[in-house]
Amino acid sequence: MDRDQQQVVFVIDDDAGIREGLQLLLETTGQTVSVYANARDFLVDFTPMINGCLLLDIRLPNMSGLELQIHLKKLHSTLPIIFISGHGDIPMAVEAMRQGALDFLRKPFREQDLLERINQALLIAASRHKQQWMACELQSKLALLSDRERQIFSRVANGDMNKVIAADLGISERTVEVHRSQLMKKLKIKTLAQLVRCKLQEEQLYLPAYLNARQGDK
């Protein structure tokens, strides 16, 4: 994953004239733009790690904008979505916002309004992309830990002393110290505070999945 990946404004609209007009407008402001006539073509190029925002027509052939939005959530997309429509009504707008859309603009809209929303979306995207990058980095480091190192990592982060960990695991205190030193090298940290921070970050990585699973059980 590239930490400094270039941001892209993705435009999906089945009207060729609107696609071309939006592409021209955005490129004149210095944005990198990719345009698509339908959701399925966009999904061919989509990866969860892309950095940018999505300008999405709510009424599309085969897969509607709302259906794509829901599908992208299942793919763990972090792209902020701005819906556009010439036919949008209040129920559609409410549902789009309920599903997490950043905004809903009805055609015709002022160019300045659109550009302001896109700038806002790209700021949000940059923050989300940074969080994704940090999560991937942490997951890569955690994957290097052995089962025993992970045990000791959790115990130390919870505030347990080496001698307590040793007694509970049936190993010597010296062995705990060796494992602790090794895991800190693998995580590229030097202090207890950094170790605790890594543990908190790990818990934050899995909290959204846990909450989603709980919601699915209801």
N, C-alpha and C. Protein backbone atom coordinates (compact mmCIF):
# COMPACT_ATOMS: atom_id res chain seq x y z
N MET A 1 0.84 -1.20 0.00
CA MET A 1 0.00 0.00 0.00
C MET A 1 0.88 1.25 0.00
N ASP A 2 0.58 2.17 -0.90
CA ASP A 2 1.37 3.40 -1.05
C ASP A 2 0.82 4.48 -0.13
N ARG A 3 1.65 4.93 0.82
CA ARG A 3 1.20 5.95 1.76
C ARG A 3 0.87 7.26 1.05
N ASP A 4 1.62 7.58 0.00
CA ASP A 4 1.43 8.85 -0.70
C ASP A 4 0.71 8.66 -2.04
N GLN A 5 -0.20 7.70 -2.09
CA GLN A 5 -0.95 7.41 -3.31
C GLN A 5 -1.72 8.65 -3.79
N GLN A 6 -1.66 8.89 -5.10
CA GLN A 6 -2.35 10.05 -5.67
C GLN A 6 -3.86 9.91 -5.52
N GLN A 7 -4.51 11.00 -5.16
CA GLN A 7 -5.96 10.97 -5.02
C GLN A 7 -6.64 11.08 -6.38
N VAL A 8 -7.76 10.38 -6.51
CA VAL A 8 -8.51 10.36 -7.76
C VAL A 8 -9.98 10.65 -7.46
N VAL A 9 -10.59 11.48 -8.30
CA VAL A 9 -12.03 11.69 -8.24
C VAL A 9 -12.66 10.74 -9.25
N PHE A 10 -13.43 9.78 -8.76
CA PHE A 10 -14.11 8.80 -9.62
C PHE A 10 -15.52 9.31 -9.91
N VAL A 11 -15.85 9.36 -11.19
CA VAL A 11 -17.16 9.85 -11.61
C VAL A 11 -17.91 8.71 -12.29
N ILE A 12 -19.12 8.41 -11.81
CA ILE A 12 -19.95 7.38 -12.44
C ILE A 12 -21.29 8.02 -12.81
N ASP A 13 -21.53 8.10 -14.13
CA ASP A 13 -22.78 8.68 -14.64
C ASP A 13 -23.03 8.08 -16.01
N ASP A 14 -24.25 7.65 -16.27
CA ASP A 14 -24.54 7.01 -17.56
C ASP A 14 -24.76 8.02 -18.68
N ASP A 15 -24.77 9.29 -18.37
CA ASP A 15 -24.91 10.34 -19.39
C ASP A 15 -23.51 10.79 -19.83
N ALA A 16 -23.16 10.48 -21.08
CA ALA A 16 -21.81 10.78 -21.58
C ALA A 16 -21.50 12.27 -21.51
N GLY A 17 -22.50 13.11 -21.81
CA GLY A 17 -22.28 14.55 -21.77
C GLY A 17 -21.93 15.04 -20.38
N ILE A 18 -22.62 14.51 -19.39
CA ILE A 18 -22.35 14.91 -18.01
C ILE A 18 -20.98 14.40 -17.57
N ARG A 19 -20.66 13.16 -17.95
CA ARG A 19 -19.34 12.60 -17.61
C ARG A 19 -18.23 13.48 -18.15
N GLU A 20 -18.34 13.82 -19.43
CA GLU A 20 -17.29 14.62 -20.08
C GLU A 20 -17.21 16.01 -19.47
N GLY A 21 -18.38 16.60 -19.16
CA GLY A 21 -18.38 17.93 -18.57
C GLY A 21 -17.74 17.95 -17.19
N LEU A 22 -18.06 16.94 -16.38
CA LEU A 22 -17.48 16.86 -15.04
C LEU A 22 -15.98 16.60 -15.11
N GLN A 23 -15.59 15.75 -16.05
CA GLN A 23 -14.15 15.46 -16.19
C GLN A 23 -13.39 16.73 -16.57
N LEU A 24 -13.93 17.49 -17.52
CA LEU A 24 -13.27 18.73 -17.95
C LEU A 24 -13.19 19.73 -16.79
N LEU A 25 -14.29 19.89 -16.07
CA LEU A 25 -14.32 20.83 -14.95
C LEU A 25 -13.28 20.46 -13.89
N LEU A 26 -13.25 19.20 -13.52
CA LEU A 26 -12.37 18.76 -12.44
C LEU A 26 -10.90 18.78 -12.86
N GLU A 27 -10.64 18.42 -14.11
CA GLU A 27 -9.25 18.43 -14.57
C GLU A 27 -8.70 19.85 -14.67
N THR A 28 -9.57 20.81 -14.96
CA THR A 28 -9.09 22.20 -15.02
C THR A 28 -8.73 22.74 -13.63
N THR A 29 -9.21 22.07 -12.59
CA THR A 29 -8.86 22.47 -11.22
C THR A 29 -7.68 21.64 -10.69
N GLY A 30 -7.11 20.82 -11.56
CA GLY A 30 -5.93 20.05 -11.17
C GLY A 30 -6.20 18.67 -10.61
N GLN A 31 -7.46 18.23 -10.66
CA GLN A 31 -7.79 16.91 -10.12
C GLN A 31 -7.47 15.81 -11.14
N THR A 32 -7.11 14.65 -10.61
CA THR A 32 -7.01 13.44 -11.43
C THR A 32 -8.38 12.79 -11.44
N VAL A 33 -8.90 12.48 -12.62
CA VAL A 33 -10.28 12.02 -12.75
C VAL A 33 -10.35 10.71 -13.53
N SER A 34 -11.20 9.79 -13.06
CA SER A 34 -11.51 8.57 -13.81
C SER A 34 -13.03 8.51 -13.95
N VAL A 35 -13.51 8.31 -15.18
CA VAL A 35 -14.95 8.33 -15.42
C VAL A 35 -15.44 6.96 -15.87
N TYR A 36 -16.69 6.65 -15.49
CA TYR A 36 -17.30 5.36 -15.81
C TYR A 36 -18.77 5.58 -16.17
N ALA A 37 -19.27 4.74 -17.08
CA ALA A 37 -20.66 4.84 -17.49
C ALA A 37 -21.59 4.04 -16.59
N ASN A 38 -21.04 3.09 -15.84
CA ASN A 38 -21.87 2.26 -14.97
C ASN A 38 -21.05 1.73 -13.79
N ALA A 39 -21.77 1.20 -12.82
CA ALA A 39 -21.12 0.75 -11.59
C ALA A 39 -20.22 -0.45 -11.81
N ARG A 40 -20.64 -1.35 -12.69
CA ARG A 40 -19.86 -2.58 -12.87
C ARG A 40 -18.49 -2.30 -13.47
N ASP A 41 -18.41 -1.35 -14.39
CA ASP A 41 -17.10 -0.99 -14.95
C ASP A 41 -16.19 -0.41 -13.86
N PHE A 42 -16.78 0.37 -12.97
CA PHE A 42 -16.00 0.93 -11.86
C PHE A 42 -15.48 -0.17 -10.96
N LEU A 43 -16.31 -1.16 -10.67
CA LEU A 43 -15.92 -2.24 -9.76
C LEU A 43 -14.76 -3.07 -10.31
N VAL A 44 -14.62 -3.10 -11.63
CA VAL A 44 -13.49 -3.83 -12.23
C VAL A 44 -12.17 -3.20 -11.78
N ASP A 45 -12.14 -1.89 -11.65
CA ASP A 45 -10.92 -1.17 -11.26
C ASP A 45 -10.80 -0.94 -9.76
N PHE A 46 -11.86 -1.19 -9.03
CA PHE A 46 -11.88 -0.84 -7.61
C PHE A 46 -11.02 -1.76 -6.75
N THR A 47 -10.31 -1.15 -5.80
CA THR A 47 -9.66 -1.89 -4.70
C THR A 47 -9.95 -1.11 -3.42
N PRO A 48 -10.06 -1.78 -2.29
CA PRO A 48 -10.38 -1.09 -1.03
C PRO A 48 -9.35 -0.04 -0.63
N MET A 49 -8.14 -0.11 -1.19
CA MET A 49 -7.08 0.79 -0.77
C MET A 49 -6.96 2.06 -1.61
N ILE A 50 -7.84 2.24 -2.59
CA ILE A 50 -7.71 3.43 -3.44
C ILE A 50 -8.01 4.68 -2.63
N ASN A 51 -7.37 5.77 -3.02
CA ASN A 51 -7.45 7.04 -2.29
C ASN A 51 -8.15 8.07 -3.17
N GLY A 52 -9.26 8.58 -2.71
CA GLY A 52 -9.99 9.58 -3.50
C GLY A 52 -11.42 9.68 -3.03
N CYS A 53 -12.30 10.11 -3.93
CA CYS A 53 -13.72 10.20 -3.60
C CYS A 53 -14.53 9.78 -4.82
N LEU A 54 -15.81 9.54 -4.58
CA LEU A 54 -16.69 9.03 -5.63
C LEU A 54 -17.85 10.00 -5.85
N LEU A 55 -17.97 10.46 -7.10
CA LEU A 55 -19.09 11.30 -7.53
C LEU A 55 -20.04 10.38 -8.28
N LEU A 56 -21.18 10.09 -7.69
CA LEU A 56 -22.00 8.96 -8.12
C LEU A 56 -23.44 9.37 -8.45
N ASP A 57 -23.86 9.06 -9.68
CA ASP A 57 -25.26 9.27 -10.07
C ASP A 57 -26.10 8.21 -9.36
N ILE A 58 -27.22 8.62 -8.81
CA ILE A 58 -28.01 7.67 -8.03
C ILE A 58 -28.79 6.70 -8.91
N ARG A 59 -29.10 7.11 -10.15
CA ARG A 59 -29.85 6.24 -11.06
C ARG A 59 -28.92 5.78 -12.18
N LEU A 60 -28.56 4.50 -12.13
CA LEU A 60 -27.66 3.90 -13.12
C LEU A 60 -28.27 2.61 -13.63
N PRO A 61 -27.91 2.18 -14.85
CA PRO A 61 -28.41 0.92 -15.37
C PRO A 61 -27.81 -0.27 -14.63
N ASN A 62 -28.59 -1.33 -14.48
CA ASN A 62 -28.17 -2.61 -13.89
C ASN A 62 -27.93 -2.53 -12.38
N MET A 63 -27.00 -1.70 -11.94
CA MET A 63 -26.75 -1.51 -10.51
C MET A 63 -26.89 -0.03 -10.20
N SER A 64 -27.86 0.33 -9.36
CA SER A 64 -28.08 1.74 -9.05
C SER A 64 -26.97 2.28 -8.16
N GLY A 65 -26.96 3.60 -8.02
CA GLY A 65 -25.96 4.21 -7.15
C GLY A 65 -26.10 3.75 -5.71
N LEU A 66 -27.34 3.64 -5.23
CA LEU A 66 -27.55 3.17 -3.86
C LEU A 66 -27.08 1.74 -3.69
N GLU A 67 -27.34 0.90 -4.68
CA GLU A 67 -26.89 -0.50 -4.62
C GLU A 67 -25.36 -0.57 -4.61
N LEU A 68 -24.72 0.29 -5.41
CA LEU A 68 -23.26 0.31 -5.41
C LEU A 68 -22.73 0.77 -4.06
N GLN A 69 -23.36 1.78 -3.48
CA GLN A 69 -22.94 2.28 -2.17
C GLN A 69 -22.96 1.15 -1.14
N ILE A 70 -24.04 0.40 -1.11
CA ILE A 70 -24.16 -0.71 -0.15
C ILE A 70 -23.12 -1.78 -0.44
N HIS A 71 -22.89 -2.06 -1.72
CA HIS A 71 -21.89 -3.06 -2.10
C HIS A 71 -20.49 -2.62 -1.68
N LEU A 72 -20.18 -1.35 -1.85
CA LEU A 72 -18.85 -0.84 -1.48
C LEU A 72 -18.64 -0.93 0.03
N LYS A 73 -19.68 -0.75 0.81
CA LYS A 73 -19.56 -0.89 2.26
C LYS A 73 -19.16 -2.32 2.62
N LYS A 74 -19.72 -3.29 1.90
CA LYS A 74 -19.37 -4.69 2.14
C LYS A 74 -17.92 -4.97 1.77
N LEU A 75 -17.39 -4.19 0.83
CA LEU A 75 -15.99 -4.34 0.40
C LEU A 75 -15.04 -3.51 1.26
N HIS A 76 -15.57 -2.89 2.31
CA HIS A 76 -14.78 -2.06 3.24
C HIS A 76 -14.16 -0.85 2.55
N SER A 77 -14.90 -0.28 1.61
CA SER A 77 -14.43 0.93 0.95
C SER A 77 -14.45 2.10 1.92
N THR A 78 -13.45 2.97 1.80
CA THR A 78 -13.42 4.20 2.61
C THR A 78 -13.64 5.44 1.74
N LEU A 79 -14.03 5.24 0.48
CA LEU A 79 -14.24 6.37 -0.42
C LEU A 79 -15.44 7.22 0.04
N PRO A 80 -15.25 8.51 0.31
CA PRO A 80 -16.41 9.37 0.56
C PRO A 80 -17.24 9.47 -0.73
N ILE A 81 -18.55 9.41 -0.58
CA ILE A 81 -19.44 9.41 -1.75
C ILE A 81 -20.29 10.67 -1.77
N ILE A 82 -20.29 11.34 -2.93
CA ILE A 82 -21.18 12.47 -3.18
C ILE A 82 -22.16 12.01 -4.25
N PHE A 83 -23.44 11.94 -3.92
CA PHE A 83 -24.44 11.54 -4.89
C PHE A 83 -24.90 12.74 -5.71
N ILE A 84 -25.13 12.48 -7.00
CA ILE A 84 -25.72 13.49 -7.88
C ILE A 84 -26.89 12.86 -8.61
N SER A 85 -27.91 13.64 -8.88
CA SER A 85 -29.06 13.09 -9.60
C SER A 85 -29.95 14.19 -10.14
N GLY A 86 -30.55 13.91 -11.29
CA GLY A 86 -31.54 14.81 -11.84
C GLY A 86 -32.93 14.38 -11.42
N HIS A 87 -33.00 13.22 -10.78
CA HIS A 87 -34.30 12.65 -10.42
C HIS A 87 -34.40 12.41 -8.92
N GLY A 88 -33.41 12.84 -8.17
CA GLY A 88 -33.36 12.51 -6.75
C GLY A 88 -34.55 13.06 -5.99
N ASP A 89 -35.12 12.22 -5.11
CA ASP A 89 -36.20 12.68 -4.25
C ASP A 89 -35.76 12.55 -2.80
N ILE A 90 -36.58 13.01 -1.91
CA ILE A 90 -36.22 13.02 -0.49
C ILE A 90 -35.93 11.62 0.05
N PRO A 91 -36.77 10.61 -0.23
CA PRO A 91 -36.45 9.27 0.28
C PRO A 91 -35.09 8.75 -0.18
N MET A 92 -34.74 9.00 -1.45
CA MET A 92 -33.44 8.57 -1.95
C MET A 92 -32.31 9.28 -1.21
N ALA A 93 -32.46 10.58 -1.04
CA ALA A 93 -31.42 11.36 -0.36
C ALA A 93 -31.26 10.88 1.08
N VAL A 94 -32.38 10.64 1.75
CA VAL A 94 -32.33 10.18 3.14
C VAL A 94 -31.63 8.83 3.23
N GLU A 95 -31.97 7.91 2.32
CA GLU A 95 -31.34 6.59 2.34
C GLU A 95 -29.85 6.68 2.04
N ALA A 96 -29.48 7.52 1.07
CA ALA A 96 -28.06 7.69 0.73
C ALA A 96 -27.28 8.21 1.93
N MET A 97 -27.83 9.19 2.63
CA MET A 97 -27.15 9.75 3.79
C MET A 97 -27.12 8.75 4.94
N ARG A 98 -28.19 7.99 5.09
CA ARG A 98 -28.23 6.98 6.15
C ARG A 98 -27.16 5.92 5.94
N GLN A 99 -26.87 5.63 4.68
CA GLN A 99 -25.84 4.65 4.35
C GLN A 99 -24.43 5.23 4.41
N GLY A 100 -24.32 6.53 4.71
CA GLY A 100 -23.00 7.10 4.91
C GLY A 100 -22.50 8.04 3.84
N ALA A 101 -23.37 8.45 2.90
CA ALA A 101 -22.94 9.38 1.86
C ALA A 101 -22.53 10.71 2.49
N LEU A 102 -21.56 11.36 1.87
CA LEU A 102 -21.11 12.66 2.37
C LEU A 102 -22.11 13.75 2.04
N ASP A 103 -22.70 13.68 0.83
CA ASP A 103 -23.66 14.71 0.43
C ASP A 103 -24.49 14.21 -0.74
N PHE A 104 -25.54 14.95 -1.06
CA PHE A 104 -26.46 14.61 -2.15
C PHE A 104 -26.78 15.90 -2.90
N LEU A 105 -26.31 16.00 -4.14
CA LEU A 105 -26.53 17.20 -4.95
C LEU A 105 -27.50 16.89 -6.09
N ARG A 106 -28.45 17.78 -6.29
CA ARG A 106 -29.40 17.58 -7.37
C ARG A 106 -29.00 18.42 -8.58
N LYS A 107 -29.03 17.81 -9.76
CA LYS A 107 -28.73 18.52 -11.00
C LYS A 107 -29.90 19.44 -11.33
N PRO A 108 -29.62 20.63 -11.86
CA PRO A 108 -28.28 21.22 -12.05
C PRO A 108 -27.78 21.82 -10.74
N PHE A 109 -26.49 21.71 -10.51
CA PHE A 109 -25.90 22.26 -9.29
C PHE A 109 -24.83 23.27 -9.68
N ARG A 110 -24.52 24.16 -8.78
CA ARG A 110 -23.47 25.15 -9.04
C ARG A 110 -22.11 24.47 -9.02
N GLU A 111 -21.27 24.84 -9.97
CA GLU A 111 -19.94 24.25 -10.02
C GLU A 111 -19.19 24.46 -8.72
N GLN A 112 -19.32 25.65 -8.15
CA GLN A 112 -18.60 25.96 -6.91
C GLN A 112 -19.05 25.06 -5.77
N ASP A 113 -20.35 24.77 -5.72
CA ASP A 113 -20.86 23.87 -4.68
C ASP A 113 -20.24 22.49 -4.82
N LEU A 114 -20.17 22.01 -6.05
CA LEU A 114 -19.59 20.69 -6.30
C LEU A 114 -18.11 20.67 -5.92
N LEU A 115 -17.37 21.68 -6.34
CA LEU A 115 -15.94 21.72 -6.06
C LEU A 115 -15.67 21.78 -4.56
N GLU A 116 -16.50 22.52 -3.84
CA GLU A 116 -16.33 22.59 -2.38
C GLU A 116 -16.58 21.24 -1.74
N ARG A 117 -17.60 20.52 -2.21
CA ARG A 117 -17.90 19.18 -1.66
C ARG A 117 -16.76 18.21 -1.97
N ILE A 118 -16.22 18.31 -3.18
CA ILE A 118 -15.13 17.41 -3.57
C ILE A 118 -13.88 17.68 -2.74
N ASN A 119 -13.56 18.94 -2.54
CA ASN A 119 -12.40 19.27 -1.70
C ASN A 119 -12.58 18.73 -0.28
N GLN A 120 -13.79 18.85 0.24
CA GLN A 120 -14.08 18.32 1.56
C GLN A 120 -13.93 16.79 1.57
N ALA A 121 -14.44 16.15 0.52
CA ALA A 121 -14.36 14.69 0.42
C ALA A 121 -12.92 14.21 0.35
N LEU A 122 -12.08 14.94 -0.38
CA LEU A 122 -10.68 14.52 -0.52
C LEU A 122 -9.91 14.70 0.78
N LEU A 123 -10.26 15.69 1.57
CA LEU A 123 -9.63 15.84 2.88
C LEU A 123 -9.99 14.65 3.78
N ILE A 124 -11.25 14.27 3.74
CA ILE A 124 -11.69 13.10 4.51
C ILE A 124 -11.00 11.84 4.01
N ALA A 125 -10.90 11.71 2.69
CA ALA A 125 -10.26 10.53 2.09
C ALA A 125 -8.80 10.43 2.50
N ALA A 126 -8.11 11.57 2.53
CA ALA A 126 -6.70 11.57 2.91
C ALA A 126 -6.52 11.06 4.33
N SER A 127 -7.39 11.49 5.23
CA SER A 127 -7.32 11.04 6.61
C SER A 127 -7.60 9.54 6.71
N ARG A 128 -8.62 9.08 6.00
CA ARG A 128 -8.95 7.65 6.02
C ARG A 128 -7.84 6.81 5.42
N HIS A 129 -7.23 7.31 4.35
CA HIS A 129 -6.15 6.57 3.69
C HIS A 129 -4.95 6.45 4.63
N LYS A 130 -4.66 7.51 5.35
CA LYS A 130 -3.55 7.47 6.32
C LYS A 130 -3.83 6.42 7.39
N GLN A 131 -5.06 6.37 7.87
CA GLN A 131 -5.43 5.39 8.88
C GLN A 131 -5.31 3.98 8.32
N GLN A 132 -5.72 3.79 7.06
CA GLN A 132 -5.58 2.49 6.41
C GLN A 132 -4.12 2.08 6.33
N TRP A 133 -3.29 3.03 5.93
CA TRP A 133 -1.87 2.75 5.79
C TRP A 133 -1.26 2.35 7.12
N MET A 134 -1.60 3.07 8.17
CA MET A 134 -1.08 2.75 9.50
C MET A 134 -1.58 1.39 9.97
N ALA A 135 -2.83 1.07 9.65
CA ALA A 135 -3.38 -0.23 10.03
C ALA A 135 -2.66 -1.36 9.31
N CYS A 136 -2.38 -1.17 8.02
CA CYS A 136 -1.66 -2.19 7.25
C CYS A 136 -0.25 -2.38 7.78
N GLU A 137 0.41 -1.28 8.12
CA GLU A 137 1.75 -1.36 8.68
C GLU A 137 1.75 -2.14 9.99
N LEU A 138 0.79 -1.85 10.85
CA LEU A 138 0.72 -2.53 12.14
C LEU A 138 0.40 -4.01 11.96
N GLN A 139 -0.53 -4.33 11.06
CA GLN A 139 -0.87 -5.72 10.82
C GLN A 139 0.33 -6.50 10.29
N SER A 140 1.13 -5.87 9.44
CA SER A 140 2.32 -6.53 8.91
C SER A 140 3.32 -6.84 10.02
N LYS A 141 3.48 -5.91 10.94
CA LYS A 141 4.40 -6.12 12.06
C LYS A 141 3.88 -7.19 13.01
N LEU A 142 2.59 -7.14 13.32
CA LEU A 142 2.00 -8.11 14.24
C LEU A 142 2.08 -9.53 13.68
N ALA A 143 2.02 -9.64 12.36
CA ALA A 143 2.09 -10.95 11.72
C ALA A 143 3.44 -11.62 11.92
N LEU A 144 4.46 -10.83 12.27
CA LEU A 144 5.80 -11.37 12.48
C LEU A 144 5.95 -12.02 13.86
N LEU A 145 5.03 -11.75 14.77
CA LEU A 145 5.14 -12.26 16.12
C LEU A 145 4.76 -13.74 16.20
N SER A 146 5.51 -14.49 16.99
CA SER A 146 5.16 -15.89 17.25
C SER A 146 3.98 -15.92 18.22
N ASP A 147 3.38 -17.10 18.39
CA ASP A 147 2.26 -17.22 19.32
C ASP A 147 2.67 -16.81 20.74
N ARG A 148 3.86 -17.25 21.16
CA ARG A 148 4.34 -16.91 22.50
C ARG A 148 4.58 -15.40 22.62
N GLU A 149 5.15 -14.81 21.59
CA GLU A 149 5.39 -13.36 21.61
C GLU A 149 4.08 -12.58 21.68
N ARG A 150 3.06 -13.07 21.00
CA ARG A 150 1.76 -12.40 21.06
C ARG A 150 1.16 -12.50 22.46
N GLN A 151 1.34 -13.66 23.10
CA GLN A 151 0.87 -13.80 24.47
C GLN A 151 1.52 -12.77 25.39
N ILE A 152 2.83 -12.69 25.27
CA ILE A 152 3.58 -11.79 26.14
C ILE A 152 3.29 -10.33 25.79
N PHE A 153 3.12 -10.05 24.51
CA PHE A 153 2.75 -8.71 24.05
C PHE A 153 1.47 -8.25 24.74
N SER A 154 0.46 -9.11 24.75
CA SER A 154 -0.83 -8.76 25.35
C SER A 154 -0.71 -8.59 26.86
N ARG A 155 0.05 -9.49 27.49
CA ARG A 155 0.18 -9.43 28.94
C ARG A 155 0.94 -8.18 29.39
N VAL A 156 2.03 -7.88 28.70
CA VAL A 156 2.82 -6.69 29.05
C VAL A 156 1.98 -5.43 28.84
N ALA A 157 1.25 -5.38 27.72
CA ALA A 157 0.41 -4.21 27.43
C ALA A 157 -0.68 -4.02 28.48
N ASN A 158 -1.11 -5.13 29.09
CA ASN A 158 -2.13 -5.06 30.13
C ASN A 158 -1.56 -4.70 31.49
N GLY A 159 -0.23 -4.54 31.56
CA GLY A 159 0.40 -4.10 32.80
C GLY A 159 0.95 -5.19 33.68
N ASP A 160 1.00 -6.44 33.19
CA ASP A 160 1.52 -7.54 34.00
C ASP A 160 3.04 -7.49 34.08
N MET A 161 3.58 -7.81 35.25
CA MET A 161 5.02 -7.85 35.46
C MET A 161 5.60 -9.12 34.84
N ASN A 162 6.88 -9.07 34.49
CA ASN A 162 7.54 -10.23 33.88
C ASN A 162 7.41 -11.48 34.74
N LYS A 163 7.60 -11.33 36.05
CA LYS A 163 7.57 -12.51 36.92
C LYS A 163 6.17 -13.13 36.99
N VAL A 164 5.15 -12.29 36.90
CA VAL A 164 3.77 -12.79 36.91
C VAL A 164 3.49 -13.54 35.61
N ILE A 165 3.92 -12.96 34.49
CA ILE A 165 3.74 -13.61 33.19
C ILE A 165 4.46 -14.95 33.17
N ALA A 166 5.69 -14.96 33.69
CA ALA A 166 6.48 -16.20 33.71
C ALA A 166 5.78 -17.29 34.51
N ALA A 167 5.26 -16.93 35.67
CA ALA A 167 4.57 -17.91 36.52
C ALA A 167 3.32 -18.45 35.84
N ASP A 168 2.55 -17.57 35.21
CA ASP A 168 1.31 -17.98 34.56
C ASP A 168 1.56 -18.88 33.35
N LEU A 169 2.65 -18.60 32.61
CA LEU A 169 2.94 -19.36 31.39
C LEU A 169 3.84 -20.56 31.65
N GLY A 170 4.35 -20.68 32.86
CA GLY A 170 5.21 -21.81 33.19
C GLY A 170 6.58 -21.74 32.55
N ILE A 171 7.11 -20.53 32.40
CA ILE A 171 8.44 -20.33 31.83
C ILE A 171 9.24 -19.44 32.76
N SER A 172 10.54 -19.34 32.49
CA SER A 172 11.38 -18.52 33.36
C SER A 172 11.18 -17.03 33.07
N GLU A 173 11.50 -16.22 34.06
CA GLU A 173 11.41 -14.78 33.87
C GLU A 173 12.37 -14.31 32.79
N ARG A 174 13.53 -14.97 32.73
CA ARG A 174 14.51 -14.63 31.70
C ARG A 174 13.95 -14.90 30.30
N THR A 175 13.20 -15.99 30.15
CA THR A 175 12.59 -16.31 28.85
C THR A 175 11.57 -15.24 28.46
N VAL A 176 10.83 -14.77 29.44
CA VAL A 176 9.88 -13.68 29.18
C VAL A 176 10.62 -12.45 28.70
N GLU A 177 11.72 -12.13 29.33
CA GLU A 177 12.51 -10.96 28.95
C GLU A 177 13.03 -11.08 27.53
N VAL A 178 13.48 -12.29 27.15
CA VAL A 178 13.99 -12.51 25.79
C VAL A 178 12.87 -12.32 24.77
N HIS A 179 11.71 -12.94 25.05
CA HIS A 179 10.57 -12.80 24.13
C HIS A 179 10.13 -11.34 24.03
N ARG A 180 10.14 -10.66 25.15
CA ARG A 180 9.74 -9.25 25.17
C ARG A 180 10.69 -8.41 24.33
N SER A 181 11.97 -8.67 24.45
CA SER A 181 12.97 -7.94 23.66
C SER A 181 12.78 -8.21 22.17
N GLN A 182 12.53 -9.48 21.83
CA GLN A 182 12.36 -9.85 20.42
C GLN A 182 11.12 -9.22 19.81
N LEU A 183 10.02 -9.25 20.54
CA LEU A 183 8.78 -8.70 19.98
C LEU A 183 8.87 -7.19 19.80
N MET A 184 9.61 -6.53 20.69
CA MET A 184 9.77 -5.08 20.55
C MET A 184 10.63 -4.74 19.33
N LYS A 185 11.60 -5.59 19.03
CA LYS A 185 12.39 -5.39 17.82
C LYS A 185 11.53 -5.57 16.58
N LYS A 186 10.67 -6.60 16.59
CA LYS A 186 9.82 -6.86 15.43
C LYS A 186 8.80 -5.73 15.22
N LEU A 187 8.32 -5.18 16.31
CA LEU A 187 7.35 -4.08 16.21
C LEU A 187 8.02 -2.72 16.02
N LYS A 188 9.36 -2.72 16.08
CA LYS A 188 10.15 -1.49 15.92
C LYS A 188 9.78 -0.43 16.95
N ILE A 189 9.71 -0.89 18.20
CA ILE A 189 9.43 0.02 19.31
C ILE A 189 10.49 -0.16 20.38
N LYS A 190 10.62 0.84 21.26
CA LYS A 190 11.67 0.80 22.27
C LYS A 190 11.17 0.99 23.70
N THR A 191 9.96 1.49 23.85
CA THR A 191 9.48 1.79 25.20
C THR A 191 8.17 1.07 25.50
N LEU A 192 7.87 0.96 26.79
CA LEU A 192 6.61 0.35 27.22
C LEU A 192 5.43 1.17 26.71
N ALA A 193 5.57 2.48 26.71
CA ALA A 193 4.48 3.34 26.24
C ALA A 193 4.15 3.05 24.77
N GLN A 194 5.18 2.83 23.96
CA GLN A 194 4.97 2.50 22.55
C GLN A 194 4.30 1.14 22.41
N LEU A 195 4.68 0.21 23.29
CA LEU A 195 4.07 -1.12 23.25
C LEU A 195 2.58 -1.04 23.57
N VAL A 196 2.24 -0.28 24.59
CA VAL A 196 0.84 -0.11 24.96
C VAL A 196 0.07 0.56 23.83
N ARG A 197 0.69 1.54 23.18
CA ARG A 197 0.05 2.22 22.06
C ARG A 197 -0.24 1.24 20.92
N CYS A 198 0.71 0.35 20.65
CA CYS A 198 0.51 -0.67 19.60
C CYS A 198 -0.68 -1.56 19.94
N LYS A 199 -0.79 -1.94 21.21
CA LYS A 199 -1.91 -2.79 21.63
C LYS A 199 -3.24 -2.07 21.45
N LEU A 200 -3.28 -0.81 21.81
CA LEU A 200 -4.51 -0.03 21.63
C LEU A 200 -4.87 0.09 20.16
N GLN A 201 -3.85 0.30 19.32
CA GLN A 201 -4.09 0.40 17.88
C GLN A 201 -4.60 -0.93 17.33
N GLU A 202 -4.06 -2.03 17.84
CA GLU A 202 -4.53 -3.35 17.40
C GLU A 202 -5.99 -3.54 17.75
N GLU A 203 -6.37 -3.15 18.95
CA GLU A 203 -7.77 -3.29 19.37
C GLU A 203 -8.68 -2.43 18.51
N GLN A 204 -8.21 -1.26 18.13
CA GLN A 204 -9.01 -0.37 17.27
C GLN A 204 -9.19 -0.96 15.88
N LEU A 205 -8.20 -1.74 15.43
CA LEU A 205 -8.30 -2.37 14.11
C LEU A 205 -9.47 -3.32 14.04
N TYR A 206 -9.68 -4.07 15.12
CA TYR A 206 -10.68 -5.12 15.10
C TYR A 206 -12.01 -4.72 15.72
N LEU A 207 -12.06 -3.53 16.35
CA LEU A 207 -13.31 -3.08 16.95
C LEU A 207 -14.43 -2.90 15.94
N PRO A 208 -14.20 -2.25 14.76
CA PRO A 208 -15.29 -2.09 13.79
C PRO A 208 -15.87 -3.43 13.34
N ALA A 209 -15.00 -4.43 13.09
CA ALA A 209 -15.48 -5.74 12.65
C ALA A 209 -16.32 -6.39 13.75
N TYR A 210 -15.87 -6.22 15.01
CA TYR A 210 -16.61 -6.78 16.14
C TYR A 210 -17.99 -6.14 16.26
N LEU A 211 -18.03 -4.81 16.13
CA LEU A 211 -19.31 -4.11 16.24
C LEU A 211 -20.25 -4.49 15.11
N ASN A 212 -19.71 -4.64 13.89
CA ASN A 212 -20.54 -5.04 12.76
C ASN A 212 -21.12 -6.43 12.97
N ALA A 213 -20.30 -7.33 13.54
CA ALA A 213 -20.76 -8.68 13.80
C ALA A 213 -21.88 -8.67 14.84
N ARG A 214 -21.73 -7.83 15.87
CA ARG A 214 -22.76 -7.72 16.90
C ARG A 214 -24.06 -7.19 16.31
N GLN A 215 -23.94 -6.21 15.41
CA GLN A 215 -25.13 -5.65 14.78
C GLN A 215 -25.82 -6.68 13.90
N GLY A 216 -25.01 -7.54 13.26
CA GLY A 216 -25.57 -8.57 12.40
C GLY A 216 -26.30 -9.65 13.18
N ASP A 217 -25.96 -9.80 14.48
CA ASP A 217 -26.60 -10.81 15.30
C ASP A 217 -27.96 -10.35 15.82
N LYS A 218 -28.22 -9.05 15.73
CA LYS A 218 -29.47 -8.53 16.30
C LYS A 218 -30.65 -8.77 15.35
